[in-house]
Protein backbone atom coordinates (compact mmCIF):
# COMPACT_ATOMS: atom_id res chain seq x y z
CA MET A 1 30.57 -23.07 3.00
CA ARG A 2 29.57 -20.95 -0.22
CA LEU A 3 30.04 -24.23 -2.22
CA VAL A 4 27.68 -26.00 0.26
CA GLN A 5 25.12 -23.45 0.41
CA ALA A 6 25.23 -23.10 -3.53
CA LEU A 7 25.00 -27.44 -3.67
CA GLY A 8 21.81 -26.59 -1.20
CA ALA A 9 20.20 -23.79 -3.43
CA VAL A 10 20.97 -25.85 -6.42
CA LEU A 11 19.01 -29.08 -5.17
CA VAL A 12 16.18 -27.03 -3.67
CA ALA A 13 15.70 -25.67 -6.84
CA GLY A 14 15.20 -28.86 -8.62
CA ALA A 15 12.98 -30.15 -5.63
CA LEU A 16 10.58 -27.58 -6.82
CA LEU A 17 10.64 -28.18 -10.26
CA PHE A 18 9.90 -32.03 -10.20
CA THR A 19 6.88 -31.22 -7.59
CA ILE A 20 5.61 -28.82 -10.18
CA THR A 21 5.47 -32.20 -12.68
CA PRO A 22 4.52 -34.79 -10.71
CA SER A 23 3.96 -36.81 -13.32
CA GLY A 24 7.85 -37.33 -14.45
CA THR A 25 7.09 -34.79 -16.93
CA ALA A 26 9.62 -32.24 -16.11
CA ALA A 27 9.67 -29.24 -18.16
CA PRO A 28 13.13 -27.62 -18.74
CA THR A 29 13.82 -24.99 -15.85
CA GLY A 30 12.33 -21.47 -16.68
CA THR A 31 9.21 -22.76 -18.91
CA PHE A 32 6.58 -22.79 -15.76
CA CYS A 33 4.25 -19.92 -14.87
CA LYS A 34 4.35 -18.05 -18.12
CA PRO A 35 1.40 -16.59 -18.78
CA LEU A 36 -0.30 -19.39 -20.26
CA HIS A 37 0.59 -23.08 -20.08
CA VAL A 38 -0.78 -26.06 -22.36
CA TYR A 39 -1.95 -28.93 -20.80
CA ALA A 40 -1.97 -32.07 -23.44
CA VAL A 41 -2.89 -35.30 -23.34
CA ARG A 42 -2.26 -37.25 -26.39
CA GLY A 43 -4.05 -39.94 -28.02
CA SER A 44 -3.59 -43.58 -28.21
CA GLU A 45 -0.10 -44.63 -29.55
CA GLU A 46 0.91 -41.21 -29.84
CA ALA A 47 4.27 -40.25 -29.20
CA GLY A 48 4.77 -38.12 -25.95
CA PRO A 49 5.05 -35.14 -25.02
CA TYR A 50 2.14 -34.12 -26.97
CA GLY A 51 1.45 -36.36 -29.88
CA LYS A 52 0.93 -35.41 -33.65
CA GLN A 53 -2.11 -33.71 -33.51
CA ILE A 54 -1.63 -31.45 -30.31
CA GLY A 55 1.75 -30.99 -30.92
CA PRO A 56 1.13 -28.28 -33.91
CA ILE A 57 -1.55 -26.29 -31.26
CA VAL A 58 1.29 -25.79 -29.12
CA ASP A 59 4.00 -24.79 -31.47
CA GLU A 60 1.11 -22.28 -33.42
CA LEU A 61 0.68 -20.94 -29.41
CA GLN A 62 4.47 -20.51 -28.75
CA ARG A 63 4.67 -18.82 -32.36
CA LEU A 64 2.16 -16.00 -31.92
CA ARG A 65 3.29 -15.18 -28.26
CA PRO A 66 7.05 -15.89 -28.00
CA GLY A 67 8.48 -16.63 -24.02
CA GLN A 68 4.73 -16.62 -22.96
CA VAL A 69 3.21 -19.82 -23.30
CA SER A 70 5.07 -23.27 -21.83
CA ALA A 71 3.48 -26.67 -22.39
CA GLN A 72 3.67 -30.28 -20.60
CA GLY A 73 2.18 -33.53 -21.53
CA ASN A 74 0.72 -36.05 -19.37
CA GLY A 75 3.01 -38.97 -19.27
CA TYR A 76 0.33 -41.84 -19.47
CA PRO A 77 0.61 -44.77 -21.53
CA ALA A 78 -1.78 -43.95 -24.24
CA VAL A 79 -1.96 -47.67 -24.91
CA VAL A 80 -5.48 -49.65 -26.87
CA TRP A 81 -3.54 -52.47 -26.18
CA GLU A 82 -0.41 -53.88 -25.12
CA LEU A 83 0.63 -57.51 -25.21
CA SER A 84 3.61 -57.35 -22.61
CA TRP A 85 3.41 -60.47 -21.17
CA GLY A 86 5.50 -61.28 -17.60
CA ARG A 87 5.44 -58.06 -17.12
CA PRO A 88 2.45 -57.22 -14.39
CA ASP A 89 3.96 -53.76 -13.52
CA LEU A 90 2.97 -52.69 -17.37
CA VAL A 91 -0.34 -50.97 -18.38
CA HIS A 92 -1.59 -53.28 -21.11
CA THR A 93 -5.41 -52.17 -21.33
CA TYR A 94 -6.88 -48.71 -22.62
CA ALA A 95 -9.18 -48.93 -19.63
CA GLU A 96 -6.16 -48.97 -17.28
CA SER A 97 -4.11 -46.36 -19.54
CA VAL A 98 -6.97 -43.96 -18.91
CA ARG A 99 -7.03 -44.60 -15.42
CA ASP A 100 -3.36 -43.81 -15.18
CA GLY A 101 -4.31 -40.87 -17.34
CA VAL A 102 -6.63 -39.14 -14.94
CA ARG A 103 -4.78 -40.01 -11.69
CA ARG A 104 -1.70 -37.95 -13.02
CA MET A 105 -3.69 -35.53 -14.57
CA ARG A 106 -5.59 -34.61 -11.64
CA SER A 107 -1.90 -34.44 -9.55
CA ASP A 108 -0.61 -32.32 -12.33
CA LEU A 109 -3.99 -30.02 -12.54
CA ALA A 110 -3.30 -29.59 -8.64
CA ALA A 111 0.40 -28.71 -8.65
CA LEU A 112 0.28 -26.08 -11.62
CA LYS A 113 -2.59 -24.48 -9.69
CA SER A 114 -0.53 -24.29 -6.71
CA TYR A 115 2.61 -23.19 -8.08
CA CYS A 116 1.45 -21.10 -10.61
CA PRO A 117 -1.86 -19.04 -9.45
CA ARG A 118 -1.52 -16.82 -12.02
CA SER A 119 -0.97 -18.43 -15.35
CA LYS A 120 -4.26 -19.57 -17.26
CA ILE A 121 -4.02 -23.05 -18.70
CA ALA A 122 -5.74 -24.32 -21.86
CA VAL A 123 -6.08 -28.21 -21.51
CA ILE A 124 -6.23 -30.10 -24.74
CA GLY A 125 -7.22 -33.56 -25.41
CA TYR A 126 -7.14 -36.05 -28.30
CA SER A 127 -8.69 -39.57 -28.98
CA GLN A 128 -8.09 -41.57 -25.69
CA GLY A 129 -6.25 -38.01 -24.19
CA SER A 130 -10.34 -36.55 -24.32
CA ASP A 131 -11.61 -39.65 -22.36
CA VAL A 132 -8.73 -38.80 -19.60
CA VAL A 133 -9.59 -35.37 -19.80
CA ARG A 134 -13.50 -36.25 -19.38
CA ARG A 135 -12.97 -38.17 -16.47
CA ALA A 136 -10.32 -36.41 -14.37
CA LEU A 137 -12.79 -33.25 -14.46
CA ALA A 138 -15.78 -35.32 -14.02
CA ASP A 139 -16.03 -34.59 -10.29
CA GLU A 140 -13.90 -31.34 -10.50
CA ALA A 141 -15.14 -27.83 -9.54
CA PRO A 142 -15.04 -25.06 -12.92
CA ASP A 143 -12.13 -22.87 -12.76
CA PRO A 144 -12.10 -19.47 -14.68
CA ARG A 145 -8.63 -20.03 -15.41
CA VAL A 146 -8.43 -23.34 -17.38
CA ARG A 147 -9.46 -23.73 -21.14
CA VAL A 148 -10.28 -27.21 -22.46
CA GLN A 149 -10.48 -28.62 -26.02
CA LEU A 150 -11.71 -32.15 -26.91
CA LEU A 151 -10.40 -33.31 -30.04
CA ALA A 152 -12.24 -36.44 -31.31
CA ASP A 153 -14.05 -37.03 -28.13
CA PRO A 154 -14.82 -41.10 -28.24
CA ASN A 155 -17.13 -40.12 -25.00
CA PHE A 156 -19.15 -37.41 -26.91
CA THR A 157 -22.79 -37.45 -27.19
CA SER A 158 -24.97 -34.84 -28.54
CA ASN A 159 -27.25 -34.98 -25.91
CA ASP A 160 -24.64 -33.70 -23.72
CA LEU A 161 -25.99 -29.67 -23.25
CA ASN A 162 -22.70 -29.02 -21.11
CA LEU A 163 -19.97 -29.48 -24.04
CA PRO A 164 -21.07 -27.66 -27.63
CA MET A 165 -19.59 -29.92 -30.66
CA VAL A 166 -18.61 -28.50 -33.49
CA ASN A 167 -17.19 -29.33 -37.08
CA GLU A 168 -15.01 -26.15 -37.52
CA VAL A 169 -13.86 -23.77 -34.46
CA HIS A 170 -16.93 -21.49 -33.60
CA GLN A 171 -19.16 -23.25 -35.89
CA ILE A 172 -21.69 -24.66 -33.30
CA ILE A 173 -23.89 -27.59 -34.59
CA ASP A 174 -27.29 -26.89 -33.84
CA GLY A 175 -30.61 -27.57 -35.51
CA VAL A 176 -29.06 -30.28 -37.32
CA ALA A 177 -31.28 -33.62 -36.93
CA GLY A 178 -29.67 -36.90 -35.78
CA LEU A 179 -27.81 -37.97 -32.56
CA ALA A 180 -23.64 -38.21 -32.56
CA ARG A 181 -22.15 -40.72 -30.35
CA GLY A 182 -18.80 -41.31 -29.54
CA ILE A 183 -17.43 -44.84 -30.16
CA ASN A 184 -16.96 -45.48 -26.38
CA HIS A 185 -20.71 -45.70 -25.98
CA LEU A 186 -20.74 -48.79 -27.19
CA TYR A 187 -18.01 -50.27 -24.88
CA PHE A 188 -18.02 -48.99 -21.80
CA GLY A 189 -21.09 -48.42 -19.26
CA PHE A 190 -22.42 -51.75 -18.79
CA PHE A 191 -19.97 -53.41 -16.42
CA PRO A 192 -18.35 -52.51 -12.88
CA GLU A 193 -14.72 -51.12 -13.35
CA ASN A 194 -12.36 -54.10 -14.03
CA PRO A 195 -9.00 -53.91 -16.00
CA ILE A 196 -10.58 -54.28 -19.81
CA ALA A 197 -13.27 -51.80 -18.83
CA LEU A 198 -14.35 -48.27 -17.73
CA SER A 199 -17.21 -47.16 -15.39
CA LYS A 200 -20.35 -45.31 -17.12
CA ILE A 201 -19.19 -42.12 -19.09
CA PRO A 202 -19.79 -39.37 -17.54
CA PRO A 203 -21.72 -36.16 -18.82
CA PHE A 204 -18.99 -33.39 -19.33
CA PRO A 205 -19.36 -30.89 -16.25
CA ARG A 206 -21.17 -28.04 -16.16
CA GLY A 207 -19.64 -24.41 -16.21
CA TRP A 208 -16.46 -24.97 -17.65
CA SER A 209 -15.09 -23.15 -20.55
CA ALA A 210 -14.97 -25.96 -22.63
CA LEU A 211 -15.22 -26.54 -26.44
CA SER A 212 -15.64 -30.18 -28.38
CA ILE A 213 -14.04 -30.18 -31.84
CA CYS A 214 -15.23 -33.24 -34.00
CA TRP A 215 -14.26 -33.54 -37.80
CA ARG A 216 -17.36 -34.39 -39.62
CA LYS A 217 -16.72 -38.28 -41.10
CA ASP A 218 -15.00 -39.41 -37.79
CA PRO A 219 -16.16 -42.49 -36.09
CA ALA A 220 -14.48 -42.17 -33.01
CA CYS A 221 -16.66 -38.91 -31.86
CA GLY A 222 -19.75 -39.75 -34.03
CA GLY A 223 -19.01 -38.62 -37.16
CA GLY A 224 -19.70 -35.15 -36.38
CA LEU A 225 -23.32 -35.56 -37.67
CA GLY A 226 -21.11 -35.67 -41.16
CA GLY A 227 -23.26 -38.92 -42.19
CA LEU A 228 -21.78 -42.29 -43.63
CA PRO A 229 -19.24 -43.21 -44.91
CA PHE A 230 -17.02 -42.60 -41.97
CA ARG A 231 -13.69 -41.67 -42.51
CA TRP A 232 -10.78 -44.02 -40.53
CA GLY A 233 -7.19 -44.35 -40.83
CA ASP A 234 -4.07 -42.80 -41.71
CA ALA A 235 -5.29 -40.41 -43.93
CA GLY A 236 -8.81 -40.22 -42.75
CA ALA A 237 -10.62 -37.61 -40.60
CA HIS A 238 -10.02 -38.98 -37.05
CA THR A 239 -6.01 -37.87 -38.11
CA GLU A 240 -6.35 -34.72 -39.47
CA TYR A 241 -6.78 -32.57 -36.36
CA HIS A 242 -3.51 -30.65 -36.51
CA HIS A 243 -4.79 -29.22 -39.63
CA LEU A 244 -6.84 -27.11 -36.94
CA ALA A 245 -3.86 -25.84 -35.00
CA SER A 246 -3.88 -22.17 -35.89
CA ASP A 247 -7.55 -21.94 -35.28
CA LEU A 248 -7.49 -23.70 -32.15
CA ALA A 249 -4.75 -21.53 -30.95
CA ARG A 250 -6.10 -18.30 -31.78
CA ASP A 251 -9.43 -19.84 -29.61
CA ILE A 252 -7.51 -20.05 -26.49
CA LEU A 253 -5.69 -16.87 -27.15
CA TRP A 254 -8.87 -15.19 -27.44
CA TRP A 255 -10.23 -16.88 -24.27
CA SER A 256 -7.17 -15.96 -22.09
CA ASN A 257 -6.98 -12.41 -23.58
CA LEU A 258 -3.27 -12.67 -24.42
C-alpha cells in the first residue's frame, strides 16, 4: 500500500512539472517558482534552450543571485527556411516558426503565472525571438510582474513610442534625426497570413516594462541609427549582444528589486 501511495505521489509531481511547461521544455525539478524566472526566446537557427545571445544573460543572473533565478526556453523551431521535403509535419518557414513560437509562449506564460504567482518574469527575445515576443504580447494586458527585453528586434521602428530603443542599456536614443526600421518591414504586412508571410507587424503594446536593444550597424533592427555601412555576418553587430550580458542582467535585477 505504501509503495502504491509513493508511486502515486511521484506521478502527480511529474504531471505538475510538465503542466508548468506545456511547450515541452520542462526544466529539472526544483527550478520553478524561484523569485525570478527567465523566459528566453532564442534567435534564428540558434540551438536551444537559450541560444548564444540570451544564454550568457541567464548565466550572469544565476551567478549574481545563486539559487534565486530559474529559466526556460521557448521550444519553437527558430528556423528561417528549412527544406524538409516529404515531411509535412515539420516547420518549413520563418512565418510558420514564428506562429509556433507565439502559440508556445502564450501557453507557457499562462502556466507560469498560474503556478508561480509570486515570481517575477523576465522575457527576453533575440532576433526572430523578438518577433515571437512582440506578436505574443500584442493583445495581452500589461503585467507588472513581467520585464521585457528585445534584442535585435526585426520589427522595430523608431516611430513606436511604446518601446524605447537603445544602443547601450539606459542610453535611450532621442533627439537623433533619422528613422530606424527593422528588416521585417520589407517583407511582412503586405499580404494575408499564409505559410510564407506574417500579418501586419503589430506596434508594441502600451504599458509594458520593456526595452529594445539595437547595436549600431545591426541591419536586423534598423542599424540603431548608427548609419551605413551595416555590419552583418558571424562577427557583425547582429551576433554581439552577448557582450551586454552583464548590463542586461543588472537591468533585470534593478527592475525586479531582487
